[in-house]
C-alpha atoms as a PDB file:
ATOM      1  CA  UNK A   1      16.542 -49.463   4.917  1.00  0.00           C
ATOM      2  CA  UNK A   2      20.162 -48.533   4.412  1.00  0.00           C
ATOM      3  CA  UNK A   3      21.758 -45.701   6.330  1.00  0.00           C
ATOM      4  CA  UNK A   4      22.001 -43.743   3.092  1.00  0.00           C
ATOM      5  CA  UNK A   5      18.259 -43.787   2.431  1.00  0.00           C
ATOM      6  CA  UNK A   6      15.705 -41.810   4.386  1.00  0.00           C
ATOM      7  CA  UNK A   7      12.740 -43.747   5.730  1.00  0.00           C
ATOM      8  CA  UNK A   8       9.442 -43.528   3.906  1.00  0.00           C
ATOM      9  CA  UNK A   9       8.214 -41.374   6.788  1.00  0.00           C
ATOM     10  CA  UNK A  10      11.422 -39.297   6.964  1.00  0.00           C
ATOM     11  CA  UNK A  11      11.056 -35.581   7.244  1.00  0.00           C
ATOM     12  CA  UNK A  12      14.525 -34.346   6.257  1.00  0.00           C
ATOM     13  CA  UNK A  13      17.706 -36.000   5.016  1.00  0.00           C
ATOM     14  CA  UNK A  14      21.140 -34.566   4.198  1.00  0.00           C
ATOM     15  CA  UNK A  15      24.163 -36.490   2.882  1.00  0.00           C
ATOM     16  CA  UNK A  16      27.568 -34.896   2.397  1.00  0.00           C
ATOM     17  CA  UNK A  17      30.416 -36.779   0.734  1.00  0.00           C
ATOM     18  CA  UNK A  18      33.817 -35.114   0.894  1.00  0.00           C
ATOM     19  CA  UNK A  19      37.573 -35.582   0.783  1.00  0.00           C
ATOM     20  CA  UNK A  20      38.920 -36.522   4.219  1.00  0.00           C
ATOM     21  CA  UNK A  21      40.631 -33.248   5.111  1.00  0.00           C
ATOM     22  CA  UNK A  22      40.345 -31.046   8.181  1.00  0.00           C
ATOM     23  CA  UNK A  23      39.399 -28.060   6.037  1.00  0.00           C
ATOM     24  CA  UNK A  24      36.430 -29.918   4.541  1.00  0.00           C
ATOM     25  CA  UNK A  25      35.403 -31.177   7.978  1.00  0.00           C
ATOM     26  CA  UNK A  26      35.094 -27.631   9.296  1.00  0.00           C
ATOM     27  CA  UNK A  27      32.785 -26.691   6.427  1.00  0.00           C
ATOM     28  CA  UNK A  28      30.697 -29.826   6.957  1.00  0.00           C
ATOM     29  CA  UNK A  29      30.396 -29.064  10.676  1.00  0.00           C
ATOM     30  CA  UNK A  30      29.074 -25.574   9.892  1.00  0.00           C
ATOM     31  CA  UNK A  31      26.486 -27.182   7.629  1.00  0.00           C
ATOM     32  CA  UNK A  32      25.466 -29.643  10.378  1.00  0.00           C
ATOM     33  CA  UNK A  33      25.110 -26.761  12.821  1.00  0.00           C
ATOM     34  CA  UNK A  34      22.934 -24.819  10.371  1.00  0.00           C
ATOM     35  CA  UNK A  35      20.808 -27.877   9.636  1.00  0.00           C
ATOM     36  CA  UNK A  36      20.205 -28.545  13.341  1.00  0.00           C
ATOM     37  CA  UNK A  37      19.347 -24.963  14.208  1.00  0.00           C
ATOM     38  CA  UNK A  38      17.017 -24.763  11.219  1.00  0.00           C
ATOM     39  CA  UNK A  39      14.950 -27.842  12.117  1.00  0.00           C
ATOM     40  CA  UNK A  40      15.235 -28.251  15.905  1.00  0.00           C
ATOM     41  CA  UNK A  41      14.042 -25.665  18.386  1.00  0.00           C
ATOM     42  CA  UNK A  42      16.332 -26.812  21.217  1.00  0.00           C
ATOM     43  CA  UNK A  43      19.861 -25.408  21.542  1.00  0.00           C
ATOM     44  CA  UNK A  44      20.870 -28.325  23.791  1.00  0.00           C
ATOM     45  CA  UNK A  45      19.895 -30.874  21.134  1.00  0.00           C
ATOM     46  CA  UNK A  46      21.744 -28.868  18.479  1.00  0.00           C
ATOM     47  CA  UNK A  47      24.820 -28.765  20.695  1.00  0.00           C
ATOM     48  CA  UNK A  48      24.735 -32.529  21.325  1.00  0.00           C
ATOM     49  CA  UNK A  49      24.471 -33.314  17.611  1.00  0.00           C
ATOM     50  CA  UNK A  50      27.178 -30.808  16.724  1.00  0.00           C
ATOM     51  CA  UNK A  51      29.468 -32.518  19.248  1.00  0.00           C
ATOM     52  CA  UNK A  52      28.590 -35.917  17.733  1.00  0.00           C
ATOM     53  CA  UNK A  53      29.261 -34.609  14.218  1.00  0.00           C
ATOM     54  CA  UNK A  54      32.598 -33.198  15.346  1.00  0.00           C
ATOM     55  CA  UNK A  55      33.707 -36.480  16.937  1.00  0.00           C
ATOM     56  CA  UNK A  56      32.483 -38.547  13.981  1.00  0.00           C
ATOM     57  CA  UNK A  57      34.079 -36.245  11.394  1.00  0.00           C
ATOM     58  CA  UNK A  58      37.363 -36.320  13.289  1.00  0.00           C
ATOM     59  CA  UNK A  59      37.298 -40.133  13.324  1.00  0.00           C
ATOM     60  CA  UNK A  60      36.367 -40.662   9.686  1.00  0.00           C
ATOM     61  CA  UNK A  61      39.094 -38.266   8.570  1.00  0.00           C
ATOM     62  CA  UNK A  62      41.765 -39.627  10.897  1.00  0.00           C
ATOM     63  CA  UNK A  63      41.164 -43.301  10.142  1.00  0.00           C
ATOM     64  CA  UNK A  64      39.962 -43.293   6.528  1.00  0.00           C
ATOM     65  CA  UNK A  65      41.901 -45.373   4.033  1.00  0.00           C
ATOM     66  CA  UNK A  66      39.745 -44.250   1.105  1.00  0.00           C
ATOM     67  CA  UNK A  67      39.537 -41.076  -0.972  1.00  0.00           C
ATOM     68  CA  UNK A  68      36.084 -40.047   0.287  1.00  0.00           C
ATOM     69  CA  UNK A  69      34.089 -40.047   3.498  1.00  0.00           C
ATOM     70  CA  UNK A  70      30.483 -39.134   4.169  1.00  0.00           C
ATOM     71  CA  UNK A  71      28.357 -37.678   6.911  1.00  0.00           C
ATOM     72  CA  UNK A  72      24.585 -38.021   6.838  1.00  0.00           C
ATOM     73  CA  UNK A  73      21.997 -36.282   8.953  1.00  0.00           C
ATOM     74  CA  UNK A  74      18.355 -37.297   9.089  1.00  0.00           C
ATOM     75  CA  UNK A  75      15.341 -36.166  11.017  1.00  0.00           C
ATOM     76  CA  UNK A  76      12.799 -38.975  10.851  1.00  0.00           C
ATOM     77  CA  UNK A  77       9.229 -38.810  12.040  1.00  0.00           C
ATOM     78  CA  UNK A  78       7.310 -42.003  12.715  1.00  0.00           C
ATOM     79  CA  UNK A  79       3.997 -42.268  14.503  1.00  0.00           C
ATOM     80  CA  UNK A  80       4.344 -38.743  15.891  1.00  0.00           C
ATOM     81  CA  UNK A  81       7.841 -39.334  17.333  1.00  0.00           C
ATOM     82  CA  UNK A  82      10.956 -37.666  15.904  1.00  0.00           C
ATOM     83  CA  UNK A  83      14.460 -39.121  15.846  1.00  0.00           C
ATOM     84  CA  UNK A  84      17.566 -37.232  14.775  1.00  0.00           C
ATOM     85  CA  UNK A  85      20.286 -39.467  13.357  1.00  0.00           C
ATOM     86  CA  UNK A  86      23.818 -38.788  12.218  1.00  0.00           C
ATOM     87  CA  UNK A  87      25.811 -41.391  10.275  1.00  0.00           C
ATOM     88  CA  UNK A  88      29.496 -41.329   9.407  1.00  0.00           C
ATOM     89  CA  UNK A  89      30.941 -43.589   6.740  1.00  0.00           C
ATOM     90  CA  UNK A  90      34.508 -44.324   5.677  1.00  0.00           C
ATOM     91  CA  UNK A  91      36.765 -47.085   4.446  1.00  0.00           C
ATOM     92  CA  UNK A  92      39.366 -48.483   6.818  1.00  0.00           C
ATOM     93  CA  UNK A  93      42.087 -51.129   6.895  1.00  0.00           C
ATOM     94  CA  UNK A  94      41.183 -54.609   8.174  1.00  0.00           C
ATOM     95  CA  UNK A  95      43.365 -54.079  11.264  1.00  0.00           C
ATOM     96  CA  UNK A  96      41.660 -50.785  12.070  1.00  0.00           C
ATOM     97  CA  UNK A  97      38.211 -52.315  11.511  1.00  0.00           C
ATOM     98  CA  UNK A  98      38.951 -55.115  13.989  1.00  0.00           C
ATOM     99  CA  UNK A  99      40.035 -52.608  16.633  1.00  0.00           C
ATOM    100  CA  UNK A 100      37.129 -50.219  16.069  1.00  0.00           C
ATOM    101  CA  UNK A 101      34.639 -53.096  16.076  1.00  0.00           C
ATOM    102  CA  UNK A 102      35.923 -54.212  19.489  1.00  0.00           C
ATOM    103  CA  UNK A 103      35.665 -50.682  20.876  1.00  0.00           C
ATOM    104  CA  UNK A 104      32.239 -50.023  19.350  1.00  0.00           C
ATOM    105  CA  UNK A 105      30.848 -53.322  20.604  1.00  0.00           C
ATOM    106  CA  UNK A 106      32.020 -52.477  24.142  1.00  0.00           C
ATOM    107  CA  UNK A 107      30.533 -48.989  23.838  1.00  0.00           C
ATOM    108  CA  UNK A 108      27.225 -50.187  22.429  1.00  0.00           C
ATOM    109  CA  UNK A 109      26.760 -52.888  25.065  1.00  0.00           C
ATOM    110  CA  UNK A 110      27.956 -50.875  28.077  1.00  0.00           C
ATOM    111  CA  UNK A 111      25.124 -50.830  30.609  1.00  0.00           C
ATOM    112  CA  UNK A 112      26.397 -47.550  32.076  1.00  0.00           C
ATOM    113  CA  UNK A 113      27.733 -45.220  29.346  1.00  0.00           C
ATOM    114  CA  UNK A 114      29.133 -42.697  31.845  1.00  0.00           C
ATOM    115  CA  UNK A 115      31.072 -45.371  33.777  1.00  0.00           C
ATOM    116  CA  UNK A 116      32.356 -46.789  30.489  1.00  0.00           C
ATOM    117  CA  UNK A 117      33.529 -43.299  29.483  1.00  0.00           C
ATOM    118  CA  UNK A 118      35.197 -42.742  32.873  1.00  0.00           C
ATOM    119  CA  UNK A 119      36.926 -46.145  32.603  1.00  0.00           C
ATOM    120  CA  UNK A 120      38.221 -45.255  29.130  1.00  0.00           C
ATOM    121  CA  UNK A 121      39.589 -41.951  30.425  1.00  0.00           C
ATOM    122  CA  UNK A 122      41.606 -43.831  33.049  1.00  0.00           C
ATOM    123  CA  UNK A 123      42.634 -46.583  30.603  1.00  0.00           C
ATOM    124  CA  UNK A 124      43.899 -44.182  27.941  1.00  0.00           C
ATOM    125  CA  UNK A 125      45.360 -41.461  30.172  1.00  0.00           C
ATOM    126  CA  UNK A 126      48.916 -42.667  29.632  1.00  0.00           C
ATOM    127  CA  UNK A 127      48.526 -43.825  26.005  1.00  0.00           C
ATOM    128  CA  UNK A 128      50.252 -41.473  23.616  1.00  0.00           C
ATOM    129  CA  UNK A 129      48.603 -40.366  20.363  1.00  0.00           C
ATOM    130  CA  UNK A 130      45.249 -42.138  20.669  1.00  0.00           C
ATOM    131  CA  UNK A 131      42.579 -41.528  23.254  1.00  0.00           C
ATOM    132  CA  UNK A 132      39.628 -43.438  21.824  1.00  0.00           C
ATOM    133  CA  UNK A 133      37.276 -41.242  23.830  1.00  0.00           C
ATOM    134  CA  UNK A 134      35.291 -39.434  21.127  1.00  0.00           C
ATOM    135  CA  UNK A 135      32.544 -41.968  20.546  1.00  0.00           C
ATOM    136  CA  UNK A 136      32.270 -42.764  24.250  1.00  0.00           C
ATOM    137  CA  UNK A 137      31.812 -39.034  24.807  1.00  0.00           C
ATOM    138  CA  UNK A 138      28.983 -38.989  22.231  1.00  0.00           C
ATOM    139  CA  UNK A 139      27.160 -41.679  24.192  1.00  0.00           C
ATOM    140  CA  UNK A 140      27.987 -40.515  27.738  1.00  0.00           C
ATOM    141  CA  UNK A 141      27.884 -36.717  27.430  1.00  0.00           C
ATOM    142  CA  UNK A 142      25.651 -36.415  24.391  1.00  0.00           C
ATOM    143  CA  UNK A 143      23.148 -39.042  25.482  1.00  0.00           C
ATOM    144  CA  UNK A 144      23.000 -40.454  21.958  1.00  0.00           C
ATOM    145  CA  UNK A 145      22.650 -44.138  21.168  1.00  0.00           C
ATOM    146  CA  UNK A 146      25.625 -45.373  19.160  1.00  0.00           C
ATOM    147  CA  UNK A 147      25.510 -48.240  16.696  1.00  0.00           C
ATOM    148  CA  UNK A 148      27.727 -49.397  13.860  1.00  0.00           C
ATOM    149  CA  UNK A 149      27.863 -51.565  10.769  1.00  0.00           C
ATOM    150  CA  UNK A 150      30.840 -53.029   8.924  1.00  0.00           C
ATOM    151  CA  UNK A 151      30.399 -54.156   5.331  1.00  0.00           C
ATOM    152  CA  UNK A 152      33.613 -55.239   3.629  1.00  0.00           C
ATOM    153  CA  UNK A 153      36.120 -52.467   4.334  1.00  0.00           C
ATOM    154  CA  UNK A 154      33.410 -49.838   4.960  1.00  0.00           C
ATOM    155  CA  UNK A 155      32.528 -48.683   8.454  1.00  0.00           C
ATOM    156  CA  UNK A 156      29.293 -46.870   9.258  1.00  0.00           C
ATOM    157  CA  UNK A 157      28.808 -45.353  12.699  1.00  0.00           C
ATOM    158  CA  UNK A 158      25.338 -44.151  13.679  1.00  0.00           C
ATOM    159  CA  UNK A 159      24.482 -41.839  16.578  1.00  0.00           C
ATOM    160  CA  UNK A 160      20.840 -41.046  17.244  1.00  0.00           C
ATOM    161  CA  UNK A 161      18.375 -39.787  19.808  1.00  0.00           C
ATOM    162  CA  UNK A 162      14.719 -38.876  20.044  1.00  0.00           C
ATOM    163  CA  UNK A 163      14.066 -35.154  19.716  1.00  0.00           C
ATOM    164  CA  UNK A 164      11.076 -32.937  20.260  1.00  0.00           C
ATOM    165  CA  UNK A 165       8.941 -32.271  17.243  1.00  0.00           C
ATOM    166  CA  UNK A 166      10.843 -30.150  14.775  1.00  0.00           C
ATOM    167  CA  UNK A 167       9.897 -26.632  13.748  1.00  0.00           C
ATOM    168  CA  UNK A 168       6.498 -27.334  12.206  1.00  0.00           C
ATOM    169  CA  UNK A 169       5.126 -23.834  12.611  1.00  0.00           C
ATOM    170  CA  UNK A 170       7.665 -22.313  10.277  1.00  0.00           C
ATOM    171  CA  UNK A 171       7.937 -22.722   6.543  1.00  0.00           C
ATOM    172  CA  UNK A 172      11.381 -23.997   5.656  1.00  0.00           C
ATOM    173  CA  UNK A 173      12.596 -21.796   2.865  1.00  0.00           C
ATOM    174  CA  UNK A 174      15.428 -22.816   0.666  1.00  0.00           C
END
């Protein structure tokens, strides 16, 4: 299954492709917030995914070398368990992809996400212009698992976490 396709058991799926501008990112973030509050009954979960969407949107806009970026949100249900997933996709230069792959590999394999985040804070405190903390924050503060995929010049970053069963007692009206 590709990140752009919902699973056969998926409950809800949203994909937004947009021009990499701050103005568009703000609109997309409002949509993510609405989506989360519509389907998840837990303000903490909504807050964590909003934070992840913010960090991911900031990264795909800042580092995109292509004319479009995308953000996908899915709420999948399998065997009675629900997982909320957010994916960010953009094109990047080969140099940028090498650097981000190194950072994402370290983040993904860190046995203690909070210590890794704290170490990055110290490491980047004196570096001007780039902190590199956003995705580490998603994992450490947000408690989301972070994964990635690089295909050619396209980077996909995935953040996900199990969530309580979504609002099944309400009819979703649209």
